[in-house]
Amino acid sequence: MDLDPASLVTAFCVSSVGFVLFYFGRKMQELRPLVAGLLLMGFPYFVSGFAWMLLGAALILGGLWAWLHFAP
């Protein structure tokens, strides 16, 4: 993980969104936001770049959207 300010702030924001999704999924007993929240909380530890972090978050959130709208 990079220690430049942009990466730190981005990691904090992505992880915060992940925590909210995780909390919502746990509270509503819904698997899909729970999994997306865990992924969003965990992947900033493995990605160091600002742009890669935003791209990964967008892919995870897009996958959640597709999972919610196209899966039974």
N, C-alpha and C. Protein backbone atom coordinates (compact mmCIF):
# COMPACT_ATOMS: atom_id res chain seq x y z
N MET A 1 0.84 -1.19 0.00
CA MET A 1 0.00 0.00 0.00
C MET A 1 0.88 1.24 0.00
N ASP A 2 0.56 2.16 -0.90
CA ASP A 2 1.29 3.42 -0.96
C ASP A 2 0.92 4.30 0.22
N LEU A 3 1.84 5.16 0.58
CA LEU A 3 1.56 6.08 1.68
C LEU A 3 1.36 7.51 1.20
N ASP A 4 1.11 7.69 -0.10
CA ASP A 4 0.81 9.04 -0.57
C ASP A 4 -0.62 9.39 -0.19
N PRO A 5 -0.89 10.68 0.00
CA PRO A 5 -2.21 11.09 0.52
C PRO A 5 -3.40 10.65 -0.34
N ALA A 6 -3.26 10.68 -1.65
CA ALA A 6 -4.39 10.30 -2.51
C ALA A 6 -4.77 8.82 -2.30
N SER A 7 -3.78 7.96 -2.21
CA SER A 7 -4.06 6.54 -2.01
C SER A 7 -4.66 6.28 -0.63
N LEU A 8 -4.16 6.98 0.37
CA LEU A 8 -4.69 6.80 1.73
C LEU A 8 -6.15 7.23 1.83
N VAL A 9 -6.45 8.39 1.26
CA VAL A 9 -7.83 8.89 1.32
C VAL A 9 -8.75 7.98 0.50
N THR A 10 -8.29 7.56 -0.66
CA THR A 10 -9.10 6.66 -1.48
C THR A 10 -9.34 5.33 -0.78
N ALA A 11 -8.30 4.78 -0.17
CA ALA A 11 -8.46 3.52 0.56
C ALA A 11 -9.45 3.68 1.71
N PHE A 12 -9.39 4.81 2.42
CA PHE A 12 -10.32 5.05 3.51
C PHE A 12 -11.76 5.15 2.99
N CYS A 13 -11.95 5.87 1.90
CA CYS A 13 -13.31 6.03 1.35
C CYS A 13 -13.87 4.71 0.83
N VAL A 14 -13.05 3.94 0.10
CA VAL A 14 -13.50 2.66 -0.43
C VAL A 14 -13.82 1.70 0.71
N SER A 15 -12.97 1.66 1.71
CA SER A 15 -13.21 0.78 2.85
C SER A 15 -14.43 1.21 3.64
N SER A 16 -14.68 2.51 3.72
CA SER A 16 -15.87 3.00 4.42
C SER A 16 -17.14 2.57 3.71
N VAL A 17 -17.15 2.68 2.40
CA VAL A 17 -18.31 2.21 1.63
C VAL A 17 -18.48 0.71 1.82
N GLY A 18 -17.36 -0.01 1.84
CA GLY A 18 -17.41 -1.45 2.08
C GLY A 18 -17.98 -1.79 3.44
N PHE A 19 -17.59 -1.01 4.45
CA PHE A 19 -18.13 -1.26 5.79
C PHE A 19 -19.63 -1.03 5.84
N VAL A 20 -20.10 0.01 5.18
CA VAL A 20 -21.54 0.29 5.16
C VAL A 20 -22.28 -0.84 4.45
N LEU A 21 -21.75 -1.31 3.33
CA LEU A 21 -22.39 -2.44 2.63
C LEU A 21 -22.36 -3.70 3.48
N PHE A 22 -21.24 -3.96 4.14
CA PHE A 22 -21.13 -5.13 5.00
C PHE A 22 -22.14 -5.06 6.15
N TYR A 23 -22.24 -3.91 6.78
CA TYR A 23 -23.17 -3.73 7.89
C TYR A 23 -24.61 -3.91 7.42
N PHE A 24 -24.93 -3.32 6.26
CA PHE A 24 -26.28 -3.46 5.71
C PHE A 24 -26.58 -4.92 5.38
N GLY A 25 -25.64 -5.61 4.76
CA GLY A 25 -25.85 -7.00 4.41
C GLY A 25 -26.02 -7.89 5.62
N ARG A 26 -25.25 -7.59 6.67
CA ARG A 26 -25.37 -8.38 7.89
C ARG A 26 -26.70 -8.10 8.59
N LYS A 27 -27.08 -6.84 8.63
CA LYS A 27 -28.32 -6.45 9.31
C LYS A 27 -29.55 -7.01 8.60
N MET A 28 -29.55 -6.97 7.27
CA MET A 28 -30.69 -7.46 6.50
C MET A 28 -30.58 -8.94 6.14
N GLN A 29 -29.50 -9.58 6.55
CA GLN A 29 -29.23 -10.99 6.25
C GLN A 29 -29.27 -11.25 4.75
N GLU A 30 -28.59 -10.39 4.02
CA GLU A 30 -28.51 -10.47 2.56
C GLU A 30 -27.05 -10.73 2.17
N LEU A 31 -26.82 -11.79 1.41
CA LEU A 31 -25.47 -12.23 1.08
C LEU A 31 -24.76 -11.28 0.12
N ARG A 32 -25.47 -10.74 -0.85
CA ARG A 32 -24.82 -9.97 -1.91
C ARG A 32 -24.13 -8.70 -1.41
N PRO A 33 -24.78 -7.82 -0.64
CA PRO A 33 -24.04 -6.66 -0.14
C PRO A 33 -22.98 -7.04 0.88
N LEU A 34 -23.18 -8.14 1.58
CA LEU A 34 -22.20 -8.60 2.55
C LEU A 34 -20.89 -8.97 1.85
N VAL A 35 -20.99 -9.71 0.76
CA VAL A 35 -19.81 -10.12 0.01
C VAL A 35 -19.13 -8.91 -0.63
N ALA A 36 -19.92 -8.02 -1.22
CA ALA A 36 -19.35 -6.82 -1.84
C ALA A 36 -18.67 -5.95 -0.79
N GLY A 37 -19.26 -5.85 0.39
CA GLY A 37 -18.65 -5.07 1.46
C GLY A 37 -17.34 -5.66 1.92
N LEU A 38 -17.28 -6.97 2.04
CA LEU A 38 -16.01 -7.61 2.42
C LEU A 38 -14.94 -7.38 1.37
N LEU A 39 -15.32 -7.49 0.10
CA LEU A 39 -14.36 -7.24 -0.97
C LEU A 39 -13.87 -5.79 -0.96
N LEU A 40 -14.79 -4.85 -0.77
CA LEU A 40 -14.39 -3.44 -0.76
C LEU A 40 -13.54 -3.10 0.46
N MET A 41 -13.77 -3.76 1.57
CA MET A 41 -12.94 -3.50 2.75
C MET A 41 -11.56 -4.11 2.61
N GLY A 42 -11.45 -5.23 1.89
CA GLY A 42 -10.20 -5.95 1.84
C GLY A 42 -9.26 -5.60 0.71
N PHE A 43 -9.79 -5.25 -0.46
CA PHE A 43 -8.89 -5.11 -1.59
C PHE A 43 -7.99 -3.88 -1.55
N PRO A 44 -8.29 -2.80 -0.82
CA PRO A 44 -7.31 -1.70 -0.78
C PRO A 44 -5.98 -2.09 -0.13
N TYR A 45 -5.93 -3.18 0.62
CA TYR A 45 -4.67 -3.63 1.19
C TYR A 45 -3.75 -4.23 0.13
N PHE A 46 -4.31 -4.68 -0.98
CA PHE A 46 -3.53 -5.35 -2.01
C PHE A 46 -3.27 -4.48 -3.23
N VAL A 47 -3.96 -3.35 -3.35
CA VAL A 47 -3.81 -2.45 -4.49
C VAL A 47 -3.19 -1.16 -3.99
N SER A 48 -2.17 -0.68 -4.68
CA SER A 48 -1.46 0.47 -4.16
C SER A 48 -1.76 1.76 -4.90
N GLY A 49 -2.20 1.71 -6.12
CA GLY A 49 -2.41 2.92 -6.90
C GLY A 49 -3.79 3.51 -6.73
N PHE A 50 -3.84 4.83 -6.86
CA PHE A 50 -5.10 5.57 -6.74
C PHE A 50 -6.08 5.15 -7.82
N ALA A 51 -5.63 5.13 -9.07
CA ALA A 51 -6.51 4.79 -10.19
C ALA A 51 -6.95 3.33 -10.12
N TRP A 52 -6.04 2.43 -9.75
CA TRP A 52 -6.39 1.01 -9.65
C TRP A 52 -7.41 0.77 -8.55
N MET A 53 -7.29 1.54 -7.47
CA MET A 53 -8.25 1.39 -6.38
C MET A 53 -9.65 1.84 -6.81
N LEU A 54 -9.72 2.96 -7.53
CA LEU A 54 -11.02 3.42 -8.02
C LEU A 54 -11.60 2.46 -9.05
N LEU A 55 -10.75 1.93 -9.91
CA LEU A 55 -11.22 0.97 -10.92
C LEU A 55 -11.72 -0.31 -10.26
N GLY A 56 -10.99 -0.80 -9.27
CA GLY A 56 -11.43 -2.00 -8.55
C GLY A 56 -12.74 -1.79 -7.82
N ALA A 57 -12.89 -0.63 -7.19
CA ALA A 57 -14.14 -0.32 -6.48
C ALA A 57 -15.30 -0.23 -7.47
N ALA A 58 -15.06 0.39 -8.61
CA ALA A 58 -16.11 0.49 -9.62
C ALA A 58 -16.51 -0.90 -10.14
N LEU A 59 -15.53 -1.77 -10.34
CA LEU A 59 -15.84 -3.13 -10.81
C LEU A 59 -16.62 -3.92 -9.76
N ILE A 60 -16.24 -3.79 -8.50
CA ILE A 60 -16.96 -4.51 -7.45
C ILE A 60 -18.39 -3.99 -7.32
N LEU A 61 -18.55 -2.67 -7.34
CA LEU A 61 -19.89 -2.11 -7.23
C LEU A 61 -20.73 -2.41 -8.47
N GLY A 62 -20.10 -2.42 -9.64
CA GLY A 62 -20.81 -2.81 -10.86
C GLY A 62 -21.22 -4.28 -10.81
N GLY A 63 -20.35 -5.12 -10.28
CA GLY A 63 -20.69 -6.53 -10.11
C GLY A 63 -21.83 -6.72 -9.13
N LEU A 64 -21.84 -5.93 -8.06
CA LEU A 64 -22.96 -6.00 -7.11
C LEU A 64 -24.25 -5.58 -7.78
N TRP A 65 -24.19 -4.51 -8.56
CA TRP A 65 -25.39 -4.04 -9.25
C TRP A 65 -25.91 -5.13 -10.20
N ALA A 66 -25.01 -5.74 -10.97
CA ALA A 66 -25.42 -6.78 -11.90
C ALA A 66 -25.98 -7.99 -11.15
N TRP A 67 -25.35 -8.34 -10.03
CA TRP A 67 -25.80 -9.47 -9.23
C TRP A 67 -27.20 -9.21 -8.67
N LEU A 68 -27.47 -7.98 -8.28
CA LEU A 68 -28.78 -7.64 -7.73
C LEU A 68 -29.87 -7.59 -8.81
N HIS A 69 -29.52 -7.14 -10.00
CA HIS A 69 -30.54 -6.92 -11.02
C HIS A 69 -30.74 -8.08 -11.98
N PHE A 70 -29.72 -8.91 -12.17
CA PHE A 70 -29.85 -9.97 -13.19
C PHE A 70 -29.89 -11.37 -12.60
N ALA A 71 -29.59 -11.53 -11.34
CA ALA A 71 -29.64 -12.86 -10.72
C ALA A 71 -31.01 -13.03 -10.05
N PRO A 72 -31.50 -14.25 -10.02
CA PRO A 72 -32.81 -14.48 -9.40
C PRO A 72 -32.77 -14.32 -7.90
